[in-house]
Amino acid sequence: MRSLRNSRKFRLYKQARREMTEKFPAAFPRSGKRPALKVGILDDIRQAGDLRISMTNCRRFLSIWTRSTAYLVNMTAGEPRVGLDGRHAGRVSDGHYREAKATLKRRKSSRERTTPGN
């Protein structure tokens, strides 16, 4: 069975991540806390243009990035969202905060059910 980390999609994700962290480091830091992104940031990326990756790979990257545990744990109601330049662009709504926490809770519950010895 092929592992996710060796899959074609993951290689494309890594390529997109390298480009996004180089081009927009304030929104996509290489390490540390992942800030909540502006709603509609894909449109801003599209307008910025000059990407070496396709928009399909950009959407895939954003999907993986924003569903990651590292991203979701930093979602806090009322905290600022950031645009590509790192400037504040709105705030995290209560609904988005609750959705992030519910996702994290489901993941934790699923991990606990599948961990041997529980």
PDB file of N, CA and C in Angstrom:
ATOM      1  N   MET A   1       0.839  -1.186   0.000  1.00  0.00           N
ATOM      2  CA  MET A   1       0.000   0.000   0.000  1.00  0.00           C
ATOM      3  C   MET A   1       0.881   1.246   0.000  1.00  0.00           C
ATOM      4  N   ARG A   2       0.540   2.182  -0.823  1.00  0.00           N
ATOM      5  CA  ARG A   2       1.311   3.402  -0.968  1.00  0.00           C
ATOM      6  C   ARG A   2       0.999   4.383   0.158  1.00  0.00           C
ATOM      7  N   SER A   3       2.037   4.959   0.726  1.00  0.00           N
ATOM      8  CA  SER A   3       1.816   5.900   1.818  1.00  0.00           C
ATOM      9  C   SER A   3       1.494   7.278   1.255  1.00  0.00           C
ATOM     10  N   LEU A   4       0.773   8.070   2.028  1.00  0.00           N
ATOM     11  CA  LEU A   4       0.406   9.409   1.604  1.00  0.00           C
ATOM     12  C   LEU A   4       1.640  10.244   1.294  1.00  0.00           C
ATOM     13  N   ARG A   5       2.661  10.125   2.110  1.00  0.00           N
ATOM     14  CA  ARG A   5       3.851  10.953   1.928  1.00  0.00           C
ATOM     15  C   ARG A   5       4.617  10.634   0.649  1.00  0.00           C
ATOM     16  N   ASN A   6       4.351   9.493   0.045  1.00  0.00           N
ATOM     17  CA  ASN A   6       4.996   9.136  -1.217  1.00  0.00           C
ATOM     18  C   ASN A   6       4.065   9.339  -2.411  1.00  0.00           C
ATOM     19  N   SER A   7       2.868   9.810  -2.167  1.00  0.00           N
ATOM     20  CA  SER A   7       1.893   9.939  -3.241  1.00  0.00           C
ATOM     21  C   SER A   7       2.186  11.158  -4.116  1.00  0.00           C
ATOM     22  N   ARG A   8       1.642  11.125  -5.306  1.00  0.00           N
ATOM     23  CA  ARG A   8       1.801  12.238  -6.252  1.00  0.00           C
ATOM     24  C   ARG A   8       1.163  13.508  -5.675  1.00  0.00           C
ATOM     25  N   LYS A   9      -0.013  13.382  -5.063  1.00  0.00           N
ATOM     26  CA  LYS A   9      -0.699  14.544  -4.498  1.00  0.00           C
ATOM     27  C   LYS A   9       0.139  15.196  -3.405  1.00  0.00           C
ATOM     28  N   PHE A  10       0.791  14.388  -2.597  1.00  0.00           N
ATOM     29  CA  PHE A  10       1.608  14.960  -1.526  1.00  0.00           C
ATOM     30  C   PHE A  10       2.832  15.671  -2.092  1.00  0.00           C
ATOM     31  N   ARG A  11       3.426  15.103  -3.135  1.00  0.00           N
ATOM     32  CA  ARG A  11       4.561  15.781  -3.780  1.00  0.00           C
ATOM     33  C   ARG A  11       4.123  17.126  -4.356  1.00  0.00           C
ATOM     34  N   LEU A  12       2.940  17.159  -4.961  1.00  0.00           N
ATOM     35  CA  LEU A  12       2.415  18.413  -5.490  1.00  0.00           C
ATOM     36  C   LEU A  12       2.130  19.404  -4.366  1.00  0.00           C
ATOM     37  N   TYR A  13       1.626  18.900  -3.234  1.00  0.00           N
ATOM     38  CA  TYR A  13       1.391  19.757  -2.070  1.00  0.00           C
ATOM     39  C   TYR A  13       2.703  20.371  -1.591  1.00  0.00           C
ATOM     40  N   LYS A  14       3.746  19.547  -1.488  1.00  0.00           N
ATOM     41  CA  LYS A  14       5.039  20.068  -1.014  1.00  0.00           C
ATOM     42  C   LYS A  14       5.585  21.120  -1.973  1.00  0.00           C
ATOM     43  N   GLN A  15       5.437  20.902  -3.261  1.00  0.00           N
ATOM     44  CA  GLN A  15       5.888  21.873  -4.252  1.00  0.00           C
ATOM     45  C   GLN A  15       5.113  23.189  -4.077  1.00  0.00           C
ATOM     46  N   ALA A  16       3.806  23.094  -3.922  1.00  0.00           N
ATOM     47  CA  ALA A  16       2.981  24.284  -3.729  1.00  0.00           C
ATOM     48  C   ALA A  16       3.346  24.984  -2.425  1.00  0.00           C
ATOM     49  N   ARG A  17       3.594  24.212  -1.377  1.00  0.00           N
ATOM     50  CA  ARG A  17       3.953  24.812  -0.088  1.00  0.00           C
ATOM     51  C   ARG A  17       5.258  25.581  -0.191  1.00  0.00           C
ATOM     52  N   ARG A  18       6.247  25.013  -0.882  1.00  0.00           N
ATOM     53  CA  ARG A  18       7.508  25.745  -1.060  1.00  0.00           C
ATOM     54  C   ARG A  18       7.276  27.084  -1.746  1.00  0.00           C
ATOM     55  N   GLU A  19       6.494  27.063  -2.805  1.00  0.00           N
ATOM     56  CA  GLU A  19       6.237  28.311  -3.526  1.00  0.00           C
ATOM     57  C   GLU A  19       5.449  29.307  -2.685  1.00  0.00           C
ATOM     58  N   MET A  20       4.430  28.851  -1.997  1.00  0.00           N
ATOM     59  CA  MET A  20       3.593  29.758  -1.205  1.00  0.00           C
ATOM     60  C   MET A  20       4.364  30.346  -0.028  1.00  0.00           C
ATOM     61  N   THR A  21       5.212  29.553   0.617  1.00  0.00           N
ATOM     62  CA  THR A  21       5.985  30.095   1.743  1.00  0.00           C
ATOM     63  C   THR A  21       7.055  31.062   1.260  1.00  0.00           C
ATOM     64  N   GLU A  22       7.560  30.873   0.054  1.00  0.00           N
ATOM     65  CA  GLU A  22       8.529  31.828  -0.502  1.00  0.00           C
ATOM     66  C   GLU A  22       7.846  33.120  -0.925  1.00  0.00           C
ATOM     67  N   LYS A  23       6.721  33.003  -1.604  1.00  0.00           N
ATOM     68  CA  LYS A  23       6.041  34.162  -2.174  1.00  0.00           C
ATOM     69  C   LYS A  23       5.232  34.941  -1.132  1.00  0.00           C
ATOM     70  N   PHE A  24       4.624  34.243  -0.177  1.00  0.00           N
ATOM     71  CA  PHE A  24       3.753  34.880   0.820  1.00  0.00           C
ATOM     72  C   PHE A  24       4.107  34.401   2.232  1.00  0.00           C
ATOM     73  N   PRO A  25       5.298  34.721   2.726  1.00  0.00           N
ATOM     74  CA  PRO A  25       5.743  34.180   4.023  1.00  0.00           C
ATOM     75  C   PRO A  25       4.899  34.649   5.219  1.00  0.00           C
ATOM     76  N   ALA A  26       4.267  35.812   5.130  1.00  0.00           N
ATOM     77  CA  ALA A  26       3.455  36.290   6.255  1.00  0.00           C
ATOM     78  C   ALA A  26       2.187  35.457   6.428  1.00  0.00           C
ATOM     79  N   ALA A  27       1.648  34.970   5.333  1.00  0.00           N
ATOM     80  CA  ALA A  27       0.426  34.170   5.398  1.00  0.00           C
ATOM     81  C   ALA A  27       0.720  32.680   5.574  1.00  0.00           C
ATOM     82  N   PHE A  28       1.864  32.244   5.013  1.00  0.00           N
ATOM     83  CA  PHE A  28       2.223  30.825   5.040  1.00  0.00           C
ATOM     84  C   PHE A  28       3.636  30.653   5.600  1.00  0.00           C
ATOM     85  N   PRO A  29       3.780  30.796   6.913  1.00  0.00           N
ATOM     86  CA  PRO A  29       5.121  30.677   7.502  1.00  0.00           C
ATOM     87  C   PRO A  29       5.671  29.262   7.385  1.00  0.00           C
ATOM     88  N   ARG A  30       6.995  29.164   7.268  1.00  0.00           N
ATOM     89  CA  ARG A  30       7.647  27.851   7.175  1.00  0.00           C
ATOM     90  C   ARG A  30       7.514  27.067   8.480  1.00  0.00           C
ATOM     91  N   SER A  31       7.510  27.771   9.591  1.00  0.00           N
ATOM     92  CA  SER A  31       7.386  27.104  10.890  1.00  0.00           C
ATOM     93  C   SER A  31       6.671  28.037  11.851  1.00  0.00           C
ATOM     94  N   GLY A  32       6.311  27.501  12.980  1.00  0.00           N
ATOM     95  CA  GLY A  32       5.626  28.301  13.987  1.00  0.00           C
ATOM     96  C   GLY A  32       4.125  28.321  13.778  1.00  0.00           C
ATOM     97  N   LYS A  33       3.491  29.255  14.426  1.00  0.00           N
ATOM     98  CA  LYS A  33       2.031  29.374  14.420  1.00  0.00           C
ATOM     99  C   LYS A  33       1.509  29.692  13.018  1.00  0.00           C
ATOM    100  N   ARG A  34       0.490  28.965  12.604  1.00  0.00           N
ATOM    101  CA  ARG A  34      -0.156  29.209  11.317  1.00  0.00           C
ATOM    102  C   ARG A  34      -1.322  30.174  11.545  1.00  0.00           C
ATOM    103  N   PRO A  35      -1.249  31.373  11.001  1.00  0.00           N
ATOM    104  CA  PRO A  35      -2.324  32.341  11.232  1.00  0.00           C
ATOM    105  C   PRO A  35      -3.590  31.972  10.481  1.00  0.00           C
ATOM    106  N   ALA A  36      -4.723  32.420  11.011  1.00  0.00           N
ATOM    107  CA  ALA A  36      -5.999  32.242  10.316  1.00  0.00           C
ATOM    108  C   ALA A  36      -5.949  33.105   9.057  1.00  0.00           C
ATOM    109  N   LEU A  37      -6.327  32.521   7.937  1.00  0.00           N
ATOM    110  CA  LEU A  37      -6.252  33.224   6.661  1.00  0.00           C
ATOM    111  C   LEU A  37      -7.544  33.974   6.357  1.00  0.00           C
ATOM    112  N   LYS A  38      -7.390  35.033   5.605  1.00  0.00           N
ATOM    113  CA  LYS A  38      -8.506  35.842   5.148  1.00  0.00           C
ATOM    114  C   LYS A  38      -9.495  34.962   4.385  1.00  0.00           C
ATOM    115  N   VAL A  39     -10.776  35.177   4.614  1.00  0.00           N
ATOM    116  CA  VAL A  39     -11.793  34.478   3.841  1.00  0.00           C
ATOM    117  C   VAL A  39     -11.680  34.985   2.400  1.00  0.00           C
ATOM    118  N   GLY A  40     -11.591  34.071   1.456  1.00  0.00           N
ATOM    119  CA  GLY A  40     -11.454  34.449   0.052  1.00  0.00           C
ATOM    120  C   GLY A  40     -10.020  34.653  -0.391  1.00  0.00           C
ATOM    121  N   ILE A  41      -9.073  34.090   0.340  1.00  0.00           N
ATOM    122  CA  ILE A  41      -7.664  34.304   0.023  1.00  0.00           C
ATOM    123  C   ILE A  41      -7.272  33.703  -1.334  1.00  0.00           C
ATOM    124  N   LEU A  42      -8.005  32.695  -1.794  1.00  0.00           N
ATOM    125  CA  LEU A  42      -7.712  32.119  -3.103  1.00  0.00           C
ATOM    126  C   LEU A  42      -7.851  33.175  -4.196  1.00  0.00           C
ATOM    127  N   ASP A  43      -8.856  34.042  -4.084  1.00  0.00           N
ATOM    128  CA  ASP A  43      -9.018  35.117  -5.070  1.00  0.00           C
ATOM    129  C   ASP A  43      -7.821  36.062  -5.046  1.00  0.00           C
ATOM    130  N   ASP A  44      -7.301  36.346  -3.853  1.00  0.00           N
ATOM    131  CA  ASP A  44      -6.124  37.210  -3.742  1.00  0.00           C
ATOM    132  C   ASP A  44      -4.905  36.549  -4.379  1.00  0.00           C
ATOM    133  N   ILE A  45      -4.767  35.253  -4.193  1.00  0.00           N
ATOM    134  CA  ILE A  45      -3.652  34.518  -4.797  1.00  0.00           C
ATOM    135  C   ILE A  45      -3.782  34.559  -6.317  1.00  0.00           C
ATOM    136  N   ARG A  46      -4.997  34.347  -6.796  1.00  0.00           N
ATOM    137  CA  ARG A  46      -5.249  34.374  -8.238  1.00  0.00           C
ATOM    138  C   ARG A  46      -4.895  35.753  -8.802  1.00  0.00           C
ATOM    139  N   GLN A  47      -5.278  36.826  -8.107  1.00  0.00           N
ATOM    140  CA  GLN A  47      -4.990  38.184  -8.570  1.00  0.00           C
ATOM    141  C   GLN A  47      -3.505  38.505  -8.501  1.00  0.00           C
ATOM    142  N   ALA A  48      -2.809  37.937  -7.516  1.00  0.00           N
ATOM    143  CA  ALA A  48      -1.367  38.178  -7.396  1.00  0.00           C
ATOM    144  C   ALA A  48      -0.636  37.584  -8.590  1.00  0.00           C
ATOM    145  N   GLY A  49      -1.177  36.479  -9.110  1.00  0.00           N
ATOM    146  CA  GLY A  49      -0.616  35.857 -10.313  1.00  0.00           C
ATOM    147  C   GLY A  49       0.828  35.427 -10.141  1.00  0.00           C
ATOM    148  N   ASP A  50       1.474  35.155 -11.246  1.00  0.00           N
ATOM    149  CA  ASP A  50       2.894  34.810 -11.288  1.00  0.00           C
ATOM    150  C   ASP A  50       3.251  33.602 -10.430  1.00  0.00           C
ATOM    151  N   LEU A  51       2.381  32.609 -10.406  1.00  0.00           N
ATOM    152  CA  LEU A  51       2.685  31.380  -9.687  1.00  0.00           C
ATOM    153  C   LEU A  51       3.191  30.337 -10.673  1.00  0.00           C
ATOM    154  N   ARG A  52       4.099  29.522 -10.225  1.00  0.00           N
ATOM    155  CA  ARG A  52       4.604  28.422 -11.052  1.00  0.00           C
ATOM    156  C   ARG A  52       3.731  27.184 -10.919  1.00  0.00           C
ATOM    157  N   ILE A  53       2.809  27.211  -9.971  1.00  0.00           N
ATOM    158  CA  ILE A  53       1.909  26.069  -9.763  1.00  0.00           C
ATOM    159  C   ILE A  53       0.549  26.390 -10.374  1.00  0.00           C
ATOM    160  N   SER A  54      -0.197  25.351 -10.689  1.00  0.00           N
ATOM    161  CA  SER A  54      -1.534  25.550 -11.241  1.00  0.00           C
ATOM    162  C   SER A  54      -2.494  25.972 -10.128  1.00  0.00           C
ATOM    163  N   MET A  55      -3.621  26.537 -10.515  1.00  0.00           N
ATOM    164  CA  MET A  55      -4.627  26.908  -9.523  1.00  0.00           C
ATOM    165  C   MET A  55      -5.220  25.659  -8.869  1.00  0.00           C
ATOM    166  N   THR A  56      -5.249  24.558  -9.591  1.00  0.00           N
ATOM    167  CA  THR A  56      -5.716  23.296  -8.997  1.00  0.00           C
ATOM    168  C   THR A  56      -4.808  22.898  -7.846  1.00  0.00           C
ATOM    169  N   ASN A  57      -3.495  22.969  -8.062  1.00  0.00           N
ATOM    170  CA  ASN A  57      -2.557  22.633  -6.987  1.00  0.00           C
ATOM    171  C   ASN A  57      -2.609  23.666  -5.872  1.00  0.00           C
ATOM    172  N   CYS A  58      -2.881  24.910  -6.217  1.00  0.00           N
ATOM    173  CA  CYS A  58      -3.024  25.944  -5.195  1.00  0.00           C
ATOM    174  C   CYS A  58      -4.241  25.643  -4.313  1.00  0.00           C
ATOM    175  N   ARG A  59      -5.351  25.274  -4.935  1.00  0.00           N
ATOM    176  CA  ARG A  59      -6.550  24.908  -4.157  1.00  0.00           C
ATOM    177  C   ARG A  59      -6.287  23.686  -3.285  1.00  0.00           C
ATOM    178  N   ARG A  60      -5.587  22.705  -3.834  1.00  0.00           N
ATOM    179  CA  ARG A  60      -5.244  21.502  -3.064  1.00  0.00           C
ATOM    180  C   ARG A  60      -4.391  21.896  -1.850  1.00  0.00           C
ATOM    181  N   PHE A  61      -3.388  22.739  -2.084  1.00  0.00           N
ATOM    182  CA  PHE A  61      -2.529  23.206  -1.000  1.00  0.00           C
ATOM    183  C   PHE A  61      -3.360  23.886   0.086  1.00  0.00           C
ATOM    184  N   LEU A  62      -4.228  24.834  -0.320  1.00  0.00           N
ATOM    185  CA  LEU A  62      -5.040  25.560   0.659  1.00  0.00           C
ATOM    186  C   LEU A  62      -5.967  24.620   1.428  1.00  0.00           C
ATOM    187  N   SER A  63      -6.494  23.632   0.756  1.00  0.00           N
ATOM    188  CA  SER A  63      -7.374  22.672   1.414  1.00  0.00           C
ATOM    189  C   SER A  63      -6.619  21.901   2.486  1.00  0.00           C
ATOM    190  N   ILE A  64      -5.453  21.407   2.153  1.00  0.00           N
ATOM    191  CA  ILE A  64      -4.659  20.646   3.125  1.00  0.00           C
ATOM    192  C   ILE A  64      -4.186  21.557   4.254  1.00  0.00           C
ATOM    193  N   TRP A  65      -3.705  22.755   3.901  1.00  0.00           N
ATOM    194  CA  TRP A  65      -3.181  23.713   4.884  1.00  0.00           C
ATOM    195  C   TRP A  65      -4.260  24.086   5.898  1.00  0.00           C
ATOM    196  N   THR A  66      -5.457  24.431   5.414  1.00  0.00           N
ATOM    197  CA  THR A  66      -6.501  24.927   6.318  1.00  0.00           C
ATOM    198  C   THR A  66      -7.237  23.825   7.069  1.00  0.00           C
ATOM    199  N   ARG A  67      -7.054  22.575   6.654  1.00  0.00           N
ATOM    200  CA  ARG A  67      -7.640  21.466   7.406  1.00  0.00           C
ATOM    201  C   ARG A  67      -6.635  20.812   8.340  1.00  0.00           C
ATOM    202  N   SER A  68      -5.402  21.307   8.336  1.00  0.00           N
ATOM    203  CA  SER A  68      -4.376  20.704   9.185  1.00  0.00           C
ATOM    204  C   SER A  68      -4.640  21.017  10.655  1.00  0.00           C
ATOM    205  N   THR A  69      -4.210  20.128  11.503  1.00  0.00           N
ATOM    206  CA  THR A  69      -4.354  20.343  12.940  1.00  0.00           C
ATOM    207  C   THR A  69      -3.599  21.598  13.371  1.00  0.00           C
ATOM    208  N   ALA A  70      -2.416  21.807  12.806  1.00  0.00           N
ATOM    209  CA  ALA A  70      -1.613  22.988  13.158  1.00  0.00           C
ATOM    210  C   ALA A  70      -2.367  24.285  12.870  1.00  0.00           C
ATOM    211  N   TYR A  71      -3.151  24.296  11.820  1.00  0.00           N
ATOM    212  CA  TYR A  71      -3.938  25.489  11.472  1.00  0.00           C
ATOM    213  C   TYR A  71      -5.154  25.600  12.392  1.00  0.00           C
ATOM    214  N   LEU A  72      -5.863  24.511  12.569  1.00  0.00           N
ATOM    215  CA  LEU A  72      -7.111  24.540  13.332  1.00  0.00           C
ATOM    216  C   LEU A  72      -6.917  24.886  14.798  1.00  0.00           C
ATOM    217  N   VAL A  73      -5.817  24.459  15.399  1.00  0.00           N
ATOM    218  CA  VAL A  73      -5.614  24.762  16.823  1.00  0.00           C
ATOM    219  C   VAL A  73      -5.407  26.255  17.053  1.00  0.00           C
ATOM    220  N   ASN A  74      -5.036  26.996  16.019  1.00  0.00           N
ATOM    221  CA  ASN A  74      -4.822  28.435  16.162  1.00  0.00           C
ATOM    222  C   ASN A  74      -6.064  29.268  15.856  1.00  0.00           C
ATOM    223  N   MET A  75      -7.152  28.618  15.499  1.00  0.00           N
ATOM    224  CA  MET A  75      -8.395  29.343  15.227  1.00  0.00           C
ATOM    225  C   MET A  75      -9.024  29.740  16.561  1.00  0.00           C
ATOM    226  N   THR A  76      -9.087  31.016  16.809  1.00  0.00           N
ATOM    227  CA  THR A  76      -9.677  31.536  18.034  1.00  0.00           C
ATOM    228  C   THR A  76     -10.674  32.621  17.666  1.00  0.00           C
ATOM    229  N   ALA A  77     -11.878  32.521  18.190  1.00  0.00           N
ATOM    230  CA  ALA A  77     -12.936  33.479  17.880  1.00  0.00           C
ATOM    231  C   ALA A  77     -12.460  34.902  18.172  1.00  0.00           C
ATOM    232  N   GLY A  78     -12.689  35.791  17.223  1.00  0.00           N
ATOM    233  CA  GLY A  78     -12.346  37.196  17.406  1.00  0.00           C
ATOM    234  C   GLY A  78     -10.920  37.550  17.041  1.00  0.00           C
ATOM    235  N   GLU A  79     -10.071  36.560  16.849  1.00  0.00           N
ATOM    236  CA  GLU A  79      -8.680  36.832  16.474  1.00  0.00           C
ATOM    237  C   GLU A  79      -8.626  37.294  15.022  1.00  0.00           C
ATOM    238  N   PRO A  80      -7.617  38.103  14.687  1.00  0.00           N
ATOM    239  CA  PRO A  80      -7.540  38.592  13.306  1.00  0.00           C
ATOM    240  C   PRO A  80      -7.163  37.504  12.313  1.00  0.00           C
ATOM    241  N   ARG A  81      -7.694  37.644  11.114  1.00  0.00           N
ATOM    242  CA  ARG A  81      -7.284  36.835   9.980  1.00  0.00           C
ATOM    243  C   ARG A  81      -6.251  37.658   9.218  1.00  0.00           C
ATOM    244  N   VAL A  82      -5.409  37.000   8.441  1.00  0.00           N
ATOM    245  CA  VAL A  82      -4.395  37.740   7.692  1.00  0.00           C
ATOM    246  C   VAL A  82      -4.542  37.520   6.196  1.00  0.00           C
ATOM    247  N   GLY A  83      -4.151  38.548   5.453  1.00  0.00           N
ATOM    248  CA  GLY A  83      -4.103  38.459   4.004  1.00  0.00           C
ATOM    249  C   GLY A  83      -2.718  37.991   3.584  1.00  0.00           C
ATOM    250  N   LEU A  84      -2.464  37.999   2.294  1.00  0.00           N
ATOM    251  CA  LEU A  84      -1.184  37.522   1.770  1.00  0.00           C
ATOM    252  C   LEU A  84       0.002  38.321   2.290  1.00  0.00           C
ATOM    253  N   ASP A  85      -0.222  39.602   2.571  1.00  0.00           N
ATOM    254  CA  ASP A  85       0.856  40.468   3.044  1.00  0.00           C
ATOM    255  C   ASP A  85       1.015  40.459   4.563  1.00  0.00           C
ATOM    256  N   GLY A  86       0.172  39.683   5.250  1.00  0.00           N
ATOM    257  CA  GLY A  86       0.256  39.597   6.702  1.00  0.00           C
ATOM    258  C   GLY A  86      -0.582  40.627   7.428  1.00  0.00           C
ATOM    259  N   ARG A  87      -1.222  41.528   6.692  1.00  0.00           N
ATOM    260  CA  ARG A  87      -2.070  42.542   7.328  1.00  0.00           C
ATOM    261  C   ARG A  87      -3.402  41.926   7.737  1.00  0.00           C
ATOM    262  N   HIS A  88      -3.994  42.499   8.769  1.00  0.00           N
ATOM    263  CA  HIS A  88      -5.275  42.000   9.257  1.00  0.00           C
ATOM    264  C   HIS A  88      -6.343  42.169   8.190  1.00  0.00           C
ATOM    265  N   ALA A  89      -7.154  41.146   8.035  1.00  0.00           N
ATOM    266  CA  ALA A  89      -8.221  41.140   7.029  1.00  0.00           C
ATOM    267  C   ALA A  89      -9.425  40.406   7.590  1.00  0.00           C
ATOM    268  N   GLY A  90     -10.081  41.014   8.543  1.00  0.00           N
ATOM    269  CA  GLY A  90     -11.244  40.392   9.168  1.00  0.00           C
ATOM    270  C   GLY A  90     -10.865  39.657  10.440  1.00  0.00           C
ATOM    271  N   ARG A  91     -11.857  39.034  11.016  1.00  0.00           N
ATOM    272  CA  ARG A  91     -11.659  38.284  12.259  1.00  0.00           C
ATOM    273  C   ARG A  91     -12.283  36.907  12.140  1.00  0.00           C
ATOM    274  N   VAL A  92     -11.810  35.991  12.958  1.00  0.00           N
ATOM    275  CA  VAL A  92     -12.365  34.634  12.989  1.00  0.00           C
ATOM    276  C   VAL A  92     -13.744  34.708  13.639  1.00  0.00           C
ATOM    277  N   SER A  93     -14.736  34.222  12.927  1.00  0.00           N
ATOM    278  CA  SER A  93     -16.110  34.252  13.460  1.00  0.00           C
ATOM    279  C   SER A  93     -16.288  33.163  14.516  1.00  0.00           C
ATOM    280  N   ASP A  94     -17.326  33.329  15.318  1.00  0.00           N
ATOM    281  CA  ASP A  94     -17.649  32.311  16.315  1.00  0.00           C
ATOM    282  C   ASP A  94     -17.962  30.979  15.635  1.00  0.00           C
ATOM    283  N   GLY A  95     -18.649  31.039  14.501  1.00  0.00           N
ATOM    284  CA  GLY A  95     -19.002  29.821  13.779  1.00  0.00           C
ATOM    285  C   GLY A  95     -17.775  29.068  13.277  1.00  0.00           C
ATOM    286  N   HIS A  96     -16.809  29.795  12.713  1.00  0.00           N
ATOM    287  CA  HIS A  96     -15.583  29.146  12.242  1.00  0.00           C
ATOM    288  C   HIS A  96     -14.772  28.585  13.408  1.00  0.00           C
ATOM    289  N   TYR A  97     -14.769  29.302  14.516  1.00  0.00           N
ATOM    290  CA  TYR A  97     -14.075  28.812  15.713  1.00  0.00           C
ATOM    291  C   TYR A  97     -14.707  27.496  16.192  1.00  0.00           C
ATOM    292  N   ARG A  98     -16.037  27.474  16.306  1.00  0.00           N
ATOM    293  CA  ARG A  98     -16.735  26.268  16.768  1.00  0.00           C
ATOM    294  C   ARG A  98     -16.506  25.102  15.800  1.00  0.00           C
ATOM    295  N   GLU A  99     -16.515  25.391  14.512  1.00  0.00           N
ATOM    296  CA  GLU A  99     -16.283  24.347  13.506  1.00  0.00           C
ATOM    297  C   GLU A  99     -14.876  23.756  13.641  1.00  0.00           C
ATOM    298  N   ALA A 100     -13.881  24.606  13.855  1.00  0.00           N
ATOM    299  CA  ALA A 100     -12.500  24.130  14.026  1.00  0.00           C
ATOM    300  C   ALA A 100     -12.377  23.261  15.269  1.00  0.00           C
ATOM    301  N   LYS A 101     -12.958  23.700  16.365  1.00  0.00           N
ATOM    302  CA  LYS A 101     -12.871  22.936  17.606  1.00  0.00           C
ATOM    303  C   LYS A 101     -13.607  21.604  17.488  1.00  0.00           C
ATOM    304  N   ALA A 102     -14.736  21.588  16.799  1.00  0.00           N
ATOM    305  CA  ALA A 102     -15.482  20.341  16.611  1.00  0.00           C
ATOM    306  C   ALA A 102     -14.667  19.365  15.763  1.00  0.00           C
ATOM    307  N   THR A 103     -13.995  19.863  14.742  1.00  0.00           N
ATOM    308  CA  THR A 103     -13.151  19.006  13.901  1.00  0.00           C
ATOM    309  C   THR A 103     -12.026  18.405  14.726  1.00  0.00           C
ATOM    310  N   LEU A 104     -11.381  19.226  15.540  1.00  0.00           N
ATOM    311  CA  LEU A 104     -10.292  18.730  16.387  1.00  0.00           C
ATOM    312  C   LEU A 104     -10.803  17.690  17.381  1.00  0.00           C
ATOM    313  N   LYS A 105     -11.985  17.915  17.924  1.00  0.00           N
ATOM    314  CA  LYS A 105     -12.565  16.967  18.879  1.00  0.00           C
ATOM    315  C   LYS A 105     -12.860  15.629  18.202  1.00  0.00           C
ATOM    316  N   ARG A 106     -13.418  15.674  16.981  1.00  0.00           N
ATOM    317  CA  ARG A 106     -13.691  14.441  16.234  1.00  0.00           C
ATOM    318  C   ARG A 106     -12.400  13.691  15.931  1.00  0.00           C
ATOM    319  N   ARG A 107     -11.356  14.413  15.549  1.00  0.00           N
ATOM    320  CA  ARG A 107     -10.071  13.762  15.262  1.00  0.00           C
ATOM    321  C   ARG A 107      -9.509  13.087  16.493  1.00  0.00           C
ATOM    322  N   LYS A 108      -9.584  13.781  17.613  1.00  0.00           N
ATOM    323  CA  LYS A 108      -9.051  13.211  18.855  1.00  0.00           C
ATOM    324  C   LYS A 108      -9.842  11.965  19.241  1.00  0.00           C
ATOM    325  N   SER A 109     -11.147  12.041  19.125  1.00  0.00           N
ATOM    326  CA  SER A 109     -11.997  10.897  19.456  1.00  0.00           C
ATOM    327  C   SER A 109     -11.701   9.718  18.531  1.00  0.00           C
ATOM    328  N   SER A 110     -11.517   9.982  17.261  1.00  0.00           N
ATOM    329  CA  SER A 110     -11.212   8.935  16.291  1.00  0.00           C
ATOM    330  C   SER A 110      -9.863   8.288  16.590  1.00  0.00           C
ATOM    331  N   ARG A 111      -8.881   9.104  16.933  1.00  0.00           N
ATOM    332  CA  ARG A 111      -7.548   8.579  17.282  1.00  0.00           C
ATOM    333  C   ARG A 111      -7.625   7.693  18.512  1.00  0.00           C
ATOM    334  N   GLU A 112      -8.394   8.115  19.495  1.00  0.00           N
ATOM    335  CA  GLU A 112      -8.511   7.336  20.726  1.00  0.00           C
ATOM    336  C   GLU A 112      -9.189   5.999  20.465  1.00  0.00           C
ATOM    337  N   ARG A 113     -10.160   5.959  19.541  1.00  0.00           N
ATOM    338  CA  ARG A 113     -10.845   4.701  19.226  1.00  0.00           C
ATOM    339  C   ARG A 113      -9.951   3.748  18.460  1.00  0.00           C
ATOM    340  N   THR A 114      -9.039   4.262  17.658  1.00  0.00           N
ATOM    341  CA  THR A 114      -8.204   3.407  16.824  1.00  0.00           C
ATOM    342  C   THR A 114      -6.848   3.077  17.460  1.00  0.00           C
ATOM    343  N   THR A 115      -6.521   3.706  18.570  1.00  0.00           N
ATOM    344  CA  THR A 115      -5.252   3.436  19.236  1.00  0.00           C
ATOM    345  C   THR A 115      -5.349   2.102  19.982  1.00  0.00           C
ATOM    346  N   PRO A 116      -4.409   1.192  19.724  1.00  0.00           N
ATOM    347  CA  PRO A 116      -4.414  -0.108  20.431  1.00  0.00           C
ATOM    348  C   PRO A 116      -4.282   0.100  21.940  1.00  0.00           C
ATOM    349  N   GLY A 117      -4.985  -0.727  22.666  1.00  0.00           N
ATOM    350  CA  GLY A 117      -4.878  -0.663  24.116  1.00  0.00           C
ATOM    351  C   GLY A 117      -5.950   0.176  24.769  1.00  0.00           C
ATOM    352  N   ASN A 118      -6.813   0.788  23.968  1.00  0.00           N
ATOM    353  CA  ASN A 118      -7.903   1.601  24.536  1.00  0.00           C
ATOM    354  C   ASN A 118      -9.169   0.824  24.597  1.00  0.00           C
TER     355      ASN A 118
END
